[in-house]
Amino acid sequence: MGEGIENNQTGMVRLKSAGEVIRSLRQERGLSIRALASQLHWDKSRISKYENNAIAMSTDVIEKLAGAFGLPPLALLLRCIRHVHPELKDADNEAGLLLTRMEAAVISDQRRRRRSGRSKKA
């Protein structure tokens, strides 16, 4: 597979940068490992293992973690790509600009869906 991605025999994907990105997102939101684990109903050692890239993540795990951070799973994956490829962090090049626009569109779409879901319930 591509640089920064390993596929193991169980069908789970190991994103080499995912642990660092998860730790960064958790810290940005002021969450301890214990608080995040509690929110997800997981053991805190499980969060630690993901943050240290000791275990691979299934798509279900990626979805749950992204949800805990208020992000769509695709936005979490885009952050992982940016972490592996720092040259894509700024929008000064075409690929970086594309990733920036994709991430903004994904997050905007998620917010729009949440608002429309609330208005239907009201």
PDB file of N, CA and C in Angstrom:
ATOM      1  N   MET A   1       0.844  -1.171   0.000  1.00  0.00           N
ATOM      2  CA  MET A   1       0.000   0.000   0.000  1.00  0.00           C
ATOM      3  C   MET A   1       0.888   1.233   0.000  1.00  0.00           C
ATOM      4  N   GLY A   2       0.270   2.421   0.097  1.00  0.00           N
ATOM      5  CA  GLY A   2       1.007   3.667   0.021  1.00  0.00           C
ATOM      6  C   GLY A   2       1.866   3.928   1.238  1.00  0.00           C
ATOM      7  N   GLU A   3       2.697   4.936   1.106  1.00  0.00           N
ATOM      8  CA  GLU A   3       3.591   5.320   2.197  1.00  0.00           C
ATOM      9  C   GLU A   3       2.768   5.724   3.412  1.00  0.00           C
ATOM     10  N   GLY A   4       3.136   5.201   4.568  1.00  0.00           N
ATOM     11  CA  GLY A   4       2.437   5.550   5.790  1.00  0.00           C
ATOM     12  C   GLY A   4       1.263   4.651   6.099  1.00  0.00           C
ATOM     13  N   ILE A   5       0.996   3.670   5.231  1.00  0.00           N
ATOM     14  CA  ILE A   5      -0.151   2.780   5.432  1.00  0.00           C
ATOM     15  C   ILE A   5       0.305   1.338   5.312  1.00  0.00           C
ATOM     16  N   GLU A   6      -0.074   0.526   6.265  1.00  0.00           N
ATOM     17  CA  GLU A   6       0.200  -0.907   6.212  1.00  0.00           C
ATOM     18  C   GLU A   6      -1.125  -1.639   6.317  1.00  0.00           C
ATOM     19  N   ASN A   7      -1.270  -2.717   5.586  1.00  0.00           N
ATOM     20  CA  ASN A   7      -2.478  -3.531   5.662  1.00  0.00           C
ATOM     21  C   ASN A   7      -2.066  -4.880   6.221  1.00  0.00           C
ATOM     22  N   ASN A   8      -2.683  -5.284   7.334  1.00  0.00           N
ATOM     23  CA  ASN A   8      -2.303  -6.581   7.893  1.00  0.00           C
ATOM     24  C   ASN A   8      -3.288  -7.648   7.460  1.00  0.00           C
ATOM     25  N   GLN A   9      -3.066  -8.881   7.853  1.00  0.00           N
ATOM     26  CA  GLN A   9      -3.875  -9.993   7.370  1.00  0.00           C
ATOM     27  C   GLN A   9      -5.295 -10.036   7.890  1.00  0.00           C
ATOM     28  N   THR A  10      -5.583  -9.272   8.920  1.00  0.00           N
ATOM     29  CA  THR A  10      -6.944  -9.280   9.453  1.00  0.00           C
ATOM     30  C   THR A  10      -7.827  -8.280   8.731  1.00  0.00           C
ATOM     31  N   GLY A  11      -7.261  -7.577   7.765  1.00  0.00           N
ATOM     32  CA  GLY A  11      -8.034  -6.584   7.035  1.00  0.00           C
ATOM     33  C   GLY A  11      -8.039  -5.230   7.719  1.00  0.00           C
ATOM     34  N   MET A  12      -7.312  -5.123   8.829  1.00  0.00           N
ATOM     35  CA  MET A  12      -7.253  -3.838   9.513  1.00  0.00           C
ATOM     36  C   MET A  12      -6.086  -3.047   8.938  1.00  0.00           C
ATOM     37  N   VAL A  13      -6.245  -1.750   8.912  1.00  0.00           N
ATOM     38  CA  VAL A  13      -5.232  -0.876   8.339  1.00  0.00           C
ATOM     39  C   VAL A  13      -4.499  -0.164   9.464  1.00  0.00           C
ATOM     40  N   ARG A  14      -3.193  -0.119   9.341  1.00  0.00           N
ATOM     41  CA  ARG A  14      -2.389   0.619  10.325  1.00  0.00           C
ATOM     42  C   ARG A  14      -1.901   1.893   9.642  1.00  0.00           C
ATOM     43  N   LEU A  15      -2.431   3.012  10.088  1.00  0.00           N
ATOM     44  CA  LEU A  15      -1.975   4.307   9.613  1.00  0.00           C
ATOM     45  C   LEU A  15      -0.826   4.706  10.521  1.00  0.00           C
ATOM     46  N   LYS A  16       0.349   4.788   9.970  1.00  0.00           N
ATOM     47  CA  LYS A  16       1.535   4.999  10.801  1.00  0.00           C
ATOM     48  C   LYS A  16       1.485   6.279  11.612  1.00  0.00           C
ATOM     49  N   SER A  17       0.736   7.252  11.181  1.00  0.00           N
ATOM     50  CA  SER A  17       0.674   8.526  11.896  1.00  0.00           C
ATOM     51  C   SER A  17      -0.581   8.671  12.740  1.00  0.00           C
ATOM     52  N   ALA A  18      -1.482   7.722  12.684  1.00  0.00           N
ATOM     53  CA  ALA A  18      -2.782   7.880  13.342  1.00  0.00           C
ATOM     54  C   ALA A  18      -2.656   8.118  14.838  1.00  0.00           C
ATOM     55  N   GLY A  19      -1.750   7.420  15.490  1.00  0.00           N
ATOM     56  CA  GLY A  19      -1.600   7.573  16.930  1.00  0.00           C
ATOM     57  C   GLY A  19      -1.227   8.985  17.331  1.00  0.00           C
ATOM     58  N   GLU A  20      -0.296   9.571  16.609  1.00  0.00           N
ATOM     59  CA  GLU A  20       0.117  10.941  16.908  1.00  0.00           C
ATOM     60  C   GLU A  20      -1.014  11.926  16.646  1.00  0.00           C
ATOM     61  N   VAL A  21      -1.775  11.680  15.601  1.00  0.00           N
ATOM     62  CA  VAL A  21      -2.900  12.557  15.276  1.00  0.00           C
ATOM     63  C   VAL A  21      -3.981  12.433  16.352  1.00  0.00           C
ATOM     64  N   ILE A  22      -4.262  11.223  16.781  1.00  0.00           N
ATOM     65  CA  ILE A  22      -5.271  11.009  17.823  1.00  0.00           C
ATOM     66  C   ILE A  22      -4.836  11.697  19.118  1.00  0.00           C
ATOM     67  N   ARG A  23      -3.579  11.528  19.502  1.00  0.00           N
ATOM     68  CA  ARG A  23      -3.067  12.190  20.704  1.00  0.00           C
ATOM     69  C   ARG A  23      -3.210  13.709  20.582  1.00  0.00           C
ATOM     70  N   SER A  24      -2.840  14.235  19.427  1.00  0.00           N
ATOM     71  CA  SER A  24      -2.924  15.675  19.204  1.00  0.00           C
ATOM     72  C   SER A  24      -4.369  16.169  19.302  1.00  0.00           C
ATOM     73  N   LEU A  25      -5.291  15.469  18.677  1.00  0.00           N
ATOM     74  CA  LEU A  25      -6.706  15.858  18.736  1.00  0.00           C
ATOM     75  C   LEU A  25      -7.231  15.787  20.172  1.00  0.00           C
ATOM     76  N   ARG A  26      -6.854  14.745  20.877  1.00  0.00           N
ATOM     77  CA  ARG A  26      -7.298  14.585  22.266  1.00  0.00           C
ATOM     78  C   ARG A  26      -6.783  15.751  23.108  1.00  0.00           C
ATOM     79  N   GLN A  27      -5.517  16.086  22.945  1.00  0.00           N
ATOM     80  CA  GLN A  27      -4.925  17.171  23.719  1.00  0.00           C
ATOM     81  C   GLN A  27      -5.506  18.529  23.337  1.00  0.00           C
ATOM     82  N   GLU A  28      -5.751  18.744  22.032  1.00  0.00           N
ATOM     83  CA  GLU A  28      -6.361  19.998  21.569  1.00  0.00           C
ATOM     84  C   GLU A  28      -7.716  20.222  22.232  1.00  0.00           C
ATOM     85  N   ARG A  29      -8.418  19.134  22.489  1.00  0.00           N
ATOM     86  CA  ARG A  29      -9.758  19.219  23.085  1.00  0.00           C
ATOM     87  C   ARG A  29      -9.723  19.156  24.616  1.00  0.00           C
ATOM     88  N   GLY A  30      -8.522  19.129  25.173  1.00  0.00           N
ATOM     89  CA  GLY A  30      -8.364  19.137  26.619  1.00  0.00           C
ATOM     90  C   GLY A  30      -8.826  17.856  27.295  1.00  0.00           C
ATOM     91  N   LEU A  31      -8.785  16.747  26.566  1.00  0.00           N
ATOM     92  CA  LEU A  31      -9.217  15.462  27.117  1.00  0.00           C
ATOM     93  C   LEU A  31      -8.022  14.658  27.619  1.00  0.00           C
ATOM     94  N   SER A  32      -8.181  14.036  28.756  1.00  0.00           N
ATOM     95  CA  SER A  32      -7.185  13.079  29.220  1.00  0.00           C
ATOM     96  C   SER A  32      -7.467  11.744  28.536  1.00  0.00           C
ATOM     97  N   ILE A  33      -6.520  10.839  28.619  1.00  0.00           N
ATOM     98  CA  ILE A  33      -6.747   9.491  28.082  1.00  0.00           C
ATOM     99  C   ILE A  33      -7.940   8.869  28.800  1.00  0.00           C
ATOM    100  N   ARG A  34      -7.997   9.058  30.104  1.00  0.00           N
ATOM    101  CA  ARG A  34      -9.097   8.505  30.909  1.00  0.00           C
ATOM    102  C   ARG A  34     -10.455   9.066  30.458  1.00  0.00           C
ATOM    103  N   ALA A  35     -10.513  10.377  30.199  1.00  0.00           N
ATOM    104  CA  ALA A  35     -11.777  11.002  29.782  1.00  0.00           C
ATOM    105  C   ALA A  35     -12.227  10.485  28.416  1.00  0.00           C
ATOM    106  N   LEU A  36     -11.292  10.383  27.475  1.00  0.00           N
ATOM    107  CA  LEU A  36     -11.638   9.866  26.149  1.00  0.00           C
ATOM    108  C   LEU A  36     -12.083   8.415  26.246  1.00  0.00           C
ATOM    109  N   ALA A  37     -11.358   7.625  27.021  1.00  0.00           N
ATOM    110  CA  ALA A  37     -11.721   6.216  27.197  1.00  0.00           C
ATOM    111  C   ALA A  37     -13.115   6.096  27.805  1.00  0.00           C
ATOM    112  N   SER A  38     -13.407   6.925  28.777  1.00  0.00           N
ATOM    113  CA  SER A  38     -14.721   6.901  29.415  1.00  0.00           C
ATOM    114  C   SER A  38     -15.821   7.269  28.416  1.00  0.00           C
ATOM    115  N   GLN A  39     -15.562   8.286  27.608  1.00  0.00           N
ATOM    116  CA  GLN A  39     -16.531   8.731  26.594  1.00  0.00           C
ATOM    117  C   GLN A  39     -16.842   7.603  25.609  1.00  0.00           C
ATOM    118  N   LEU A  40     -15.835   6.814  25.280  1.00  0.00           N
ATOM    119  CA  LEU A  40     -16.005   5.744  24.301  1.00  0.00           C
ATOM    120  C   LEU A  40     -16.344   4.393  24.939  1.00  0.00           C
ATOM    121  N   HIS A  41     -16.360   4.357  26.283  1.00  0.00           N
ATOM    122  CA  HIS A  41     -16.607   3.109  27.025  1.00  0.00           C
ATOM    123  C   HIS A  41     -15.533   2.071  26.728  1.00  0.00           C
ATOM    124  N   TRP A  42     -14.277   2.549  26.678  1.00  0.00           N
ATOM    125  CA  TRP A  42     -13.126   1.696  26.435  1.00  0.00           C
ATOM    126  C   TRP A  42     -12.215   1.765  27.650  1.00  0.00           C
ATOM    127  N   ASP A  43     -11.306   0.834  27.751  1.00  0.00           N
ATOM    128  CA  ASP A  43     -10.269   0.869  28.768  1.00  0.00           C
ATOM    129  C   ASP A  43      -9.227   1.895  28.343  1.00  0.00           C
ATOM    130  N   LYS A  44      -8.653   2.625  29.303  1.00  0.00           N
ATOM    131  CA  LYS A  44      -7.676   3.660  28.938  1.00  0.00           C
ATOM    132  C   LYS A  44      -6.429   3.085  28.284  1.00  0.00           C
ATOM    133  N   SER A  45      -6.102   1.830  28.573  1.00  0.00           N
ATOM    134  CA  SER A  45      -4.927   1.229  27.933  1.00  0.00           C
ATOM    135  C   SER A  45      -5.151   1.059  26.428  1.00  0.00           C
ATOM    136  N   ARG A  46      -6.401   0.890  26.042  1.00  0.00           N
ATOM    137  CA  ARG A  46      -6.713   0.770  24.606  1.00  0.00           C
ATOM    138  C   ARG A  46      -6.408   2.082  23.886  1.00  0.00           C
ATOM    139  N   ILE A  47      -6.797   3.202  24.489  1.00  0.00           N
ATOM    140  CA  ILE A  47      -6.499   4.511  23.894  1.00  0.00           C
ATOM    141  C   ILE A  47      -4.988   4.688  23.794  1.00  0.00           C
ATOM    142  N   SER A  48      -4.283   4.340  24.849  1.00  0.00           N
ATOM    143  CA  SER A  48      -2.832   4.462  24.865  1.00  0.00           C
ATOM    144  C   SER A  48      -2.198   3.624  23.756  1.00  0.00           C
ATOM    145  N   LYS A  49      -2.705   2.429  23.557  1.00  0.00           N
ATOM    146  CA  LYS A  49      -2.159   1.557  22.498  1.00  0.00           C
ATOM    147  C   LYS A  49      -2.392   2.159  21.116  1.00  0.00           C
ATOM    148  N   TYR A  50      -3.576   2.756  20.896  1.00  0.00           N
ATOM    149  CA  TYR A  50      -3.825   3.403  19.606  1.00  0.00           C
ATOM    150  C   TYR A  50      -2.893   4.597  19.431  1.00  0.00           C
ATOM    151  N   GLU A  51      -2.745   5.407  20.483  1.00  0.00           N
ATOM    152  CA  GLU A  51      -1.898   6.590  20.391  1.00  0.00           C
ATOM    153  C   GLU A  51      -0.436   6.237  20.140  1.00  0.00           C
ATOM    154  N   ASN A  52      -0.007   5.083  20.617  1.00  0.00           N
ATOM    155  CA  ASN A  52       1.374   4.648  20.424  1.00  0.00           C
ATOM    156  C   ASN A  52       1.536   3.725  19.221  1.00  0.00           C
ATOM    157  N   ASN A  53       0.496   3.613  18.406  1.00  0.00           N
ATOM    158  CA  ASN A  53       0.504   2.774  17.210  1.00  0.00           C
ATOM    159  C   ASN A  53       0.862   1.328  17.525  1.00  0.00           C
ATOM    160  N   ALA A  54       0.490   0.876  18.713  1.00  0.00           N
ATOM    161  CA  ALA A  54       0.791  -0.498  19.120  1.00  0.00           C
ATOM    162  C   ALA A  54      -0.206  -1.488  18.546  1.00  0.00           C
ATOM    163  N   ILE A  55      -1.391  -1.007  18.217  1.00  0.00           N
ATOM    164  CA  ILE A  55      -2.408  -1.871  17.610  1.00  0.00           C
ATOM    165  C   ILE A  55      -3.039  -1.149  16.426  1.00  0.00           C
ATOM    166  N   ALA A  56      -3.449  -1.928  15.442  1.00  0.00           N
ATOM    167  CA  ALA A  56      -4.081  -1.378  14.247  1.00  0.00           C
ATOM    168  C   ALA A  56      -5.527  -0.992  14.555  1.00  0.00           C
ATOM    169  N   MET A  57      -6.066  -0.113  13.738  1.00  0.00           N
ATOM    170  CA  MET A  57      -7.442   0.348  13.910  1.00  0.00           C
ATOM    171  C   MET A  57      -8.316  -0.167  12.787  1.00  0.00           C
ATOM    172  N   SER A  58      -9.480  -0.650  13.166  1.00  0.00           N
ATOM    173  CA  SER A  58     -10.474  -1.020  12.158  1.00  0.00           C
ATOM    174  C   SER A  58     -11.204   0.254  11.732  1.00  0.00           C
ATOM    175  N   THR A  59     -11.966   0.169  10.686  1.00  0.00           N
ATOM    176  CA  THR A  59     -12.748   1.330  10.269  1.00  0.00           C
ATOM    177  C   THR A  59     -13.740   1.718  11.350  1.00  0.00           C
ATOM    178  N   ASP A  60     -14.247   0.746  12.094  1.00  0.00           N
ATOM    179  CA  ASP A  60     -15.176   1.031  13.190  1.00  0.00           C
ATOM    180  C   ASP A  60     -14.491   1.879  14.263  1.00  0.00           C
ATOM    181  N   VAL A  61     -13.254   1.542  14.589  1.00  0.00           N
ATOM    182  CA  VAL A  61     -12.502   2.310  15.586  1.00  0.00           C
ATOM    183  C   VAL A  61     -12.256   3.725  15.082  1.00  0.00           C
ATOM    184  N   ILE A  62     -11.874   3.869  13.827  1.00  0.00           N
ATOM    185  CA  ILE A  62     -11.639   5.194  13.240  1.00  0.00           C
ATOM    186  C   ILE A  62     -12.917   6.022  13.306  1.00  0.00           C
ATOM    187  N   GLU A  63     -14.054   5.407  12.986  1.00  0.00           N
ATOM    188  CA  GLU A  63     -15.332   6.118  13.047  1.00  0.00           C
ATOM    189  C   GLU A  63     -15.663   6.557  14.470  1.00  0.00           C
ATOM    190  N   LYS A  64     -15.430   5.684  15.444  1.00  0.00           N
ATOM    191  CA  LYS A  64     -15.736   6.022  16.839  1.00  0.00           C
ATOM    192  C   LYS A  64     -14.826   7.126  17.353  1.00  0.00           C
ATOM    193  N   LEU A  65     -13.543   7.040  17.055  1.00  0.00           N
ATOM    194  CA  LEU A  65     -12.623   8.083  17.493  1.00  0.00           C
ATOM    195  C   LEU A  65     -12.953   9.417  16.830  1.00  0.00           C
ATOM    196  N   ALA A  66     -13.198   9.389  15.540  1.00  0.00           N
ATOM    197  CA  ALA A  66     -13.550  10.624  14.833  1.00  0.00           C
ATOM    198  C   ALA A  66     -14.805  11.237  15.452  1.00  0.00           C
ATOM    199  N   GLY A  67     -15.800  10.409  15.725  1.00  0.00           N
ATOM    200  CA  GLY A  67     -17.028  10.896  16.339  1.00  0.00           C
ATOM    201  C   GLY A  67     -16.780  11.526  17.700  1.00  0.00           C
ATOM    202  N   ALA A  68     -15.890  10.926  18.480  1.00  0.00           N
ATOM    203  CA  ALA A  68     -15.566  11.469  19.803  1.00  0.00           C
ATOM    204  C   ALA A  68     -14.921  12.849  19.691  1.00  0.00           C
ATOM    205  N   PHE A  69     -14.231  13.107  18.585  1.00  0.00           N
ATOM    206  CA  PHE A  69     -13.593  14.398  18.369  1.00  0.00           C
ATOM    207  C   PHE A  69     -14.493  15.353  17.578  1.00  0.00           C
ATOM    208  N   GLY A  70     -15.695  14.898  17.236  1.00  0.00           N
ATOM    209  CA  GLY A  70     -16.618  15.743  16.482  1.00  0.00           C
ATOM    210  C   GLY A  70     -16.225  15.911  15.030  1.00  0.00           C
ATOM    211  N   LEU A  71     -15.534  14.919  14.500  1.00  0.00           N
ATOM    212  CA  LEU A  71     -15.072  14.973  13.113  1.00  0.00           C
ATOM    213  C   LEU A  71     -15.668  13.830  12.311  1.00  0.00           C
ATOM    214  N   PRO A  72     -15.874  14.037  11.020  1.00  0.00           N
ATOM    215  CA  PRO A  72     -16.209  12.906  10.166  1.00  0.00           C
ATOM    216  C   PRO A  72     -14.955  12.029  10.020  1.00  0.00           C
ATOM    217  N   PRO A  73     -15.116  10.721   9.848  1.00  0.00           N
ATOM    218  CA  PRO A  73     -13.948   9.839   9.700  1.00  0.00           C
ATOM    219  C   PRO A  73     -12.995  10.282   8.590  1.00  0.00           C
ATOM    220  N   LEU A  74     -13.529  10.782   7.494  1.00  0.00           N
ATOM    221  CA  LEU A  74     -12.669  11.215   6.396  1.00  0.00           C
ATOM    222  C   LEU A  74     -11.765  12.376   6.829  1.00  0.00           C
ATOM    223  N   ALA A  75     -12.271  13.266   7.647  1.00  0.00           N
ATOM    224  CA  ALA A  75     -11.446  14.381   8.126  1.00  0.00           C
ATOM    225  C   ALA A  75     -10.292  13.865   8.984  1.00  0.00           C
ATOM    226  N   LEU A  76     -10.561  12.845   9.791  1.00  0.00           N
ATOM    227  CA  LEU A  76      -9.494  12.236  10.598  1.00  0.00           C
ATOM    228  C   LEU A  76      -8.440  11.602   9.689  1.00  0.00           C
ATOM    229  N   LEU A  77      -8.880  10.906   8.663  1.00  0.00           N
ATOM    230  CA  LEU A  77      -7.936  10.286   7.724  1.00  0.00           C
ATOM    231  C   LEU A  77      -7.122  11.336   6.966  1.00  0.00           C
ATOM    232  N   LEU A  78      -7.760  12.436   6.596  1.00  0.00           N
ATOM    233  CA  LEU A  78      -7.031  13.508   5.908  1.00  0.00           C
ATOM    234  C   LEU A  78      -5.962  14.112   6.819  1.00  0.00           C
ATOM    235  N   ARG A  79      -6.264  14.226   8.101  1.00  0.00           N
ATOM    236  CA  ARG A  79      -5.254  14.722   9.045  1.00  0.00           C
ATOM    237  C   ARG A  79      -4.073  13.758   9.138  1.00  0.00           C
ATOM    238  N   CYS A  80      -4.362  12.467   9.078  1.00  0.00           N
ATOM    239  CA  CYS A  80      -3.285  11.471   9.108  1.00  0.00           C
ATOM    240  C   CYS A  80      -2.401  11.605   7.870  1.00  0.00           C
ATOM    241  N   ILE A  81      -3.016  11.826   6.722  1.00  0.00           N
ATOM    242  CA  ILE A  81      -2.252  12.008   5.482  1.00  0.00           C
ATOM    243  C   ILE A  81      -1.356  13.235   5.592  1.00  0.00           C
ATOM    244  N   ARG A  82      -1.903  14.313   6.112  1.00  0.00           N
ATOM    245  CA  ARG A  82      -1.117  15.536   6.277  1.00  0.00           C
ATOM    246  C   ARG A  82       0.052  15.322   7.233  1.00  0.00           C
ATOM    247  N   HIS A  83      -0.159  14.497   8.246  1.00  0.00           N
ATOM    248  CA  HIS A  83       0.899  14.246   9.219  1.00  0.00           C
ATOM    249  C   HIS A  83       2.066  13.484   8.576  1.00  0.00           C
ATOM    250  N   VAL A  84       1.747  12.525   7.724  1.00  0.00           N
ATOM    251  CA  VAL A  84       2.776  11.739   7.045  1.00  0.00           C
ATOM    252  C   VAL A  84       3.467  12.573   5.963  1.00  0.00           C
ATOM    253  N   HIS A  85       2.709  13.482   5.371  1.00  0.00           N
ATOM    254  CA  HIS A  85       3.236  14.319   4.282  1.00  0.00           C
ATOM    255  C   HIS A  85       3.146  15.790   4.688  1.00  0.00           C
ATOM    256  N   PRO A  86       4.104  16.269   5.473  1.00  0.00           N
ATOM    257  CA  PRO A  86       4.045  17.640   5.968  1.00  0.00           C
ATOM    258  C   PRO A  86       3.969  18.697   4.869  1.00  0.00           C
ATOM    259  N   GLU A  87       4.445  18.348   3.699  1.00  0.00           N
ATOM    260  CA  GLU A  87       4.396  19.313   2.589  1.00  0.00           C
ATOM    261  C   GLU A  87       2.955  19.628   2.187  1.00  0.00           C
ATOM    262  N   LEU A  88       2.016  18.807   2.643  1.00  0.00           N
ATOM    263  CA  LEU A  88       0.602  19.029   2.321  1.00  0.00           C
ATOM    264  C   LEU A  88      -0.115  19.850   3.394  1.00  0.00           C
ATOM    265  N   LYS A  89       0.616  20.271   4.419  1.00  0.00           N
ATOM    266  CA  LYS A  89      -0.020  21.007   5.517  1.00  0.00           C
ATOM    267  C   LYS A  89      -0.428  22.411   5.110  1.00  0.00           C
ATOM    268  N   ASP A  90       0.324  23.031   4.209  1.00  0.00           N
ATOM    269  CA  ASP A  90      -0.073  24.374   3.805  1.00  0.00           C
ATOM    270  C   ASP A  90      -0.697  24.327   2.424  1.00  0.00           C
ATOM    271  N   ALA A  91      -1.451  25.331   2.154  1.00  0.00           N
ATOM    272  CA  ALA A  91      -2.189  25.364   0.891  1.00  0.00           C
ATOM    273  C   ALA A  91      -1.405  26.068  -0.206  1.00  0.00           C
ATOM    274  N   ASP A  92      -0.076  26.123  -0.067  1.00  0.00           N
ATOM    275  CA  ASP A  92       0.750  26.788  -1.077  1.00  0.00           C
ATOM    276  C   ASP A  92       0.985  25.931  -2.310  1.00  0.00           C
ATOM    277  N   ASN A  93       0.683  24.630  -2.212  1.00  0.00           N
ATOM    278  CA  ASN A  93       0.830  23.781  -3.390  1.00  0.00           C
ATOM    279  C   ASN A  93      -0.541  23.195  -3.735  1.00  0.00           C
ATOM    280  N   GLU A  94      -0.686  22.714  -4.945  1.00  0.00           N
ATOM    281  CA  GLU A  94      -1.994  22.246  -5.400  1.00  0.00           C
ATOM    282  C   GLU A  94      -2.542  21.096  -4.562  1.00  0.00           C
ATOM    283  N   ALA A  95      -1.693  20.136  -4.215  1.00  0.00           N
ATOM    284  CA  ALA A  95      -2.156  18.991  -3.420  1.00  0.00           C
ATOM    285  C   ALA A  95      -2.581  19.438  -2.028  1.00  0.00           C
ATOM    286  N   GLY A  96      -1.806  20.337  -1.415  1.00  0.00           N
ATOM    287  CA  GLY A  96      -2.158  20.856  -0.096  1.00  0.00           C
ATOM    288  C   GLY A  96      -3.466  21.624  -0.134  1.00  0.00           C
ATOM    289  N   LEU A  97      -3.646  22.410  -1.170  1.00  0.00           N
ATOM    290  CA  LEU A  97      -4.887  23.162  -1.337  1.00  0.00           C
ATOM    291  C   LEU A  97      -6.072  22.219  -1.508  1.00  0.00           C
ATOM    292  N   LEU A  98      -5.885  21.166  -2.283  1.00  0.00           N
ATOM    293  CA  LEU A  98      -6.949  20.179  -2.480  1.00  0.00           C
ATOM    294  C   LEU A  98      -7.328  19.515  -1.162  1.00  0.00           C
ATOM    295  N   LEU A  99      -6.346  19.100  -0.379  1.00  0.00           N
ATOM    296  CA  LEU A  99      -6.635  18.486   0.913  1.00  0.00           C
ATOM    297  C   LEU A  99      -7.346  19.456   1.843  1.00  0.00           C
ATOM    298  N   THR A 100      -6.916  20.712   1.853  1.00  0.00           N
ATOM    299  CA  THR A 100      -7.561  21.732   2.684  1.00  0.00           C
ATOM    300  C   THR A 100      -9.023  21.887   2.291  1.00  0.00           C
ATOM    301  N   ARG A 101      -9.281  21.954   0.995  1.00  0.00           N
ATOM    302  CA  ARG A 101     -10.669  22.100   0.517  1.00  0.00           C
ATOM    303  C   ARG A 101     -11.501  20.862   0.820  1.00  0.00           C
ATOM    304  N   MET A 102     -10.896  19.681   0.659  1.00  0.00           N
ATOM    305  CA  MET A 102     -11.624  18.440   0.954  1.00  0.00           C
ATOM    306  C   MET A 102     -12.003  18.380   2.431  1.00  0.00           C
ATOM    307  N   GLU A 103     -11.061  18.691   3.301  1.00  0.00           N
ATOM    308  CA  GLU A 103     -11.333  18.644   4.734  1.00  0.00           C
ATOM    309  C   GLU A 103     -12.422  19.647   5.108  1.00  0.00           C
ATOM    310  N   ALA A 104     -12.346  20.857   4.561  1.00  0.00           N
ATOM    311  CA  ALA A 104     -13.359  21.875   4.849  1.00  0.00           C
ATOM    312  C   ALA A 104     -14.735  21.431   4.347  1.00  0.00           C
ATOM    313  N   ALA A 105     -14.776  20.830   3.167  1.00  0.00           N
ATOM    314  CA  ALA A 105     -16.047  20.369   2.611  1.00  0.00           C
ATOM    315  C   ALA A 105     -16.649  19.247   3.437  1.00  0.00           C
ATOM    316  N   VAL A 106     -15.817  18.326   3.886  1.00  0.00           N
ATOM    317  CA  VAL A 106     -16.295  17.203   4.691  1.00  0.00           C
ATOM    318  C   VAL A 106     -16.863  17.702   6.020  1.00  0.00           C
ATOM    319  N   ILE A 107     -16.158  18.606   6.671  1.00  0.00           N
ATOM    320  CA  ILE A 107     -16.612  19.139   7.952  1.00  0.00           C
ATOM    321  C   ILE A 107     -17.866  19.984   7.764  1.00  0.00           C
ATOM    322  N   SER A 108     -17.902  20.785   6.707  1.00  0.00           N
ATOM    323  CA  SER A 108     -19.084  21.597   6.416  1.00  0.00           C
ATOM    324  C   SER A 108     -20.301  20.719   6.151  1.00  0.00           C
ATOM    325  N   ASP A 109     -20.105  19.642   5.405  1.00  0.00           N
ATOM    326  CA  ASP A 109     -21.200  18.714   5.116  1.00  0.00           C
ATOM    327  C   ASP A 109     -21.718  18.073   6.408  1.00  0.00           C
ATOM    328  N   GLN A 110     -20.806  17.705   7.293  1.00  0.00           N
ATOM    329  CA  GLN A 110     -21.224  17.110   8.562  1.00  0.00           C
ATOM    330  C   GLN A 110     -22.053  18.108   9.375  1.00  0.00           C
ATOM    331  N   ARG A 111     -21.622  19.347   9.442  1.00  0.00           N
ATOM    332  CA  ARG A 111     -22.370  20.371  10.187  1.00  0.00           C
ATOM    333  C   ARG A 111     -23.748  20.597   9.573  1.00  0.00           C
ATOM    334  N   ARG A 112     -23.797  20.634   8.245  1.00  0.00           N
ATOM    335  CA  ARG A 112     -25.074  20.834   7.558  1.00  0.00           C
ATOM    336  C   ARG A 112     -26.031  19.693   7.869  1.00  0.00           C
ATOM    337  N   ARG A 113     -25.526  18.478   7.858  1.00  0.00           N
ATOM    338  CA  ARG A 113     -26.363  17.311   8.162  1.00  0.00           C
ATOM    339  C   ARG A 113     -26.876  17.346   9.591  1.00  0.00           C
ATOM    340  N   ARG A 114     -26.015  17.767  10.509  1.00  0.00           N
ATOM    341  CA  ARG A 114     -26.446  17.868  11.909  1.00  0.00           C
ATOM    342  C   ARG A 114     -27.549  18.898  12.065  1.00  0.00           C
ATOM    343  N   ARG A 115     -27.374  20.063  11.404  1.00  0.00           N
ATOM    344  CA  ARG A 115     -28.400  21.110  11.493  1.00  0.00           C
ATOM    345  C   ARG A 115     -29.713  20.642  10.892  1.00  0.00           C
ATOM    346  N   SER A 116     -29.658  19.986   9.737  1.00  0.00           N
ATOM    347  CA  SER A 116     -30.901  19.528   9.104  1.00  0.00           C
ATOM    348  C   SER A 116     -31.560  18.437   9.923  1.00  0.00           C
ATOM    349  N   GLY A 117     -30.772  17.623  10.608  1.00  0.00           N
ATOM    350  CA  GLY A 117     -31.332  16.585  11.494  1.00  0.00           C
ATOM    351  C   GLY A 117     -32.048  17.194  12.670  1.00  0.00           C
ATOM    352  N   ARG A 118     -31.494  18.274  13.216  1.00  0.00           N
ATOM    353  CA  ARG A 118     -32.127  18.961  14.348  1.00  0.00           C
ATOM    354  C   ARG A 118     -33.400  19.657  13.915  1.00  0.00           C
ATOM    355  N   SER A 119     -33.396  20.264  12.720  1.00  0.00           N
ATOM    356  CA  SER A 119     -34.587  20.993  12.280  1.00  0.00           C
ATOM    357  C   SER A 119     -35.739  20.029  11.984  1.00  0.00           C
ATOM    358  N   LYS A 120     -35.445  18.813  11.564  1.00  0.00           N
ATOM    359  CA  LYS A 120     -36.490  17.820  11.318  1.00  0.00           C
ATOM    360  C   LYS A 120     -37.135  17.367  12.617  1.00  0.00           C
ATOM    361  N   LYS A 121     -36.326  17.318  13.714  1.00  0.00           N
ATOM    362  CA  LYS A 121     -36.836  16.873  15.002  1.00  0.00           C
ATOM    363  C   LYS A 121     -37.668  17.950  15.684  1.00  0.00           C
ATOM    364  N   ALA A 122     -37.405  19.221  15.342  1.00  0.00           N
ATOM    365  CA  ALA A 122     -38.093  20.340  16.013  1.00  0.00           C
ATOM    366  C   ALA A 122     -39.527  20.487  15.599  1.00  0.00           C
TER     367      ALA A 122
END
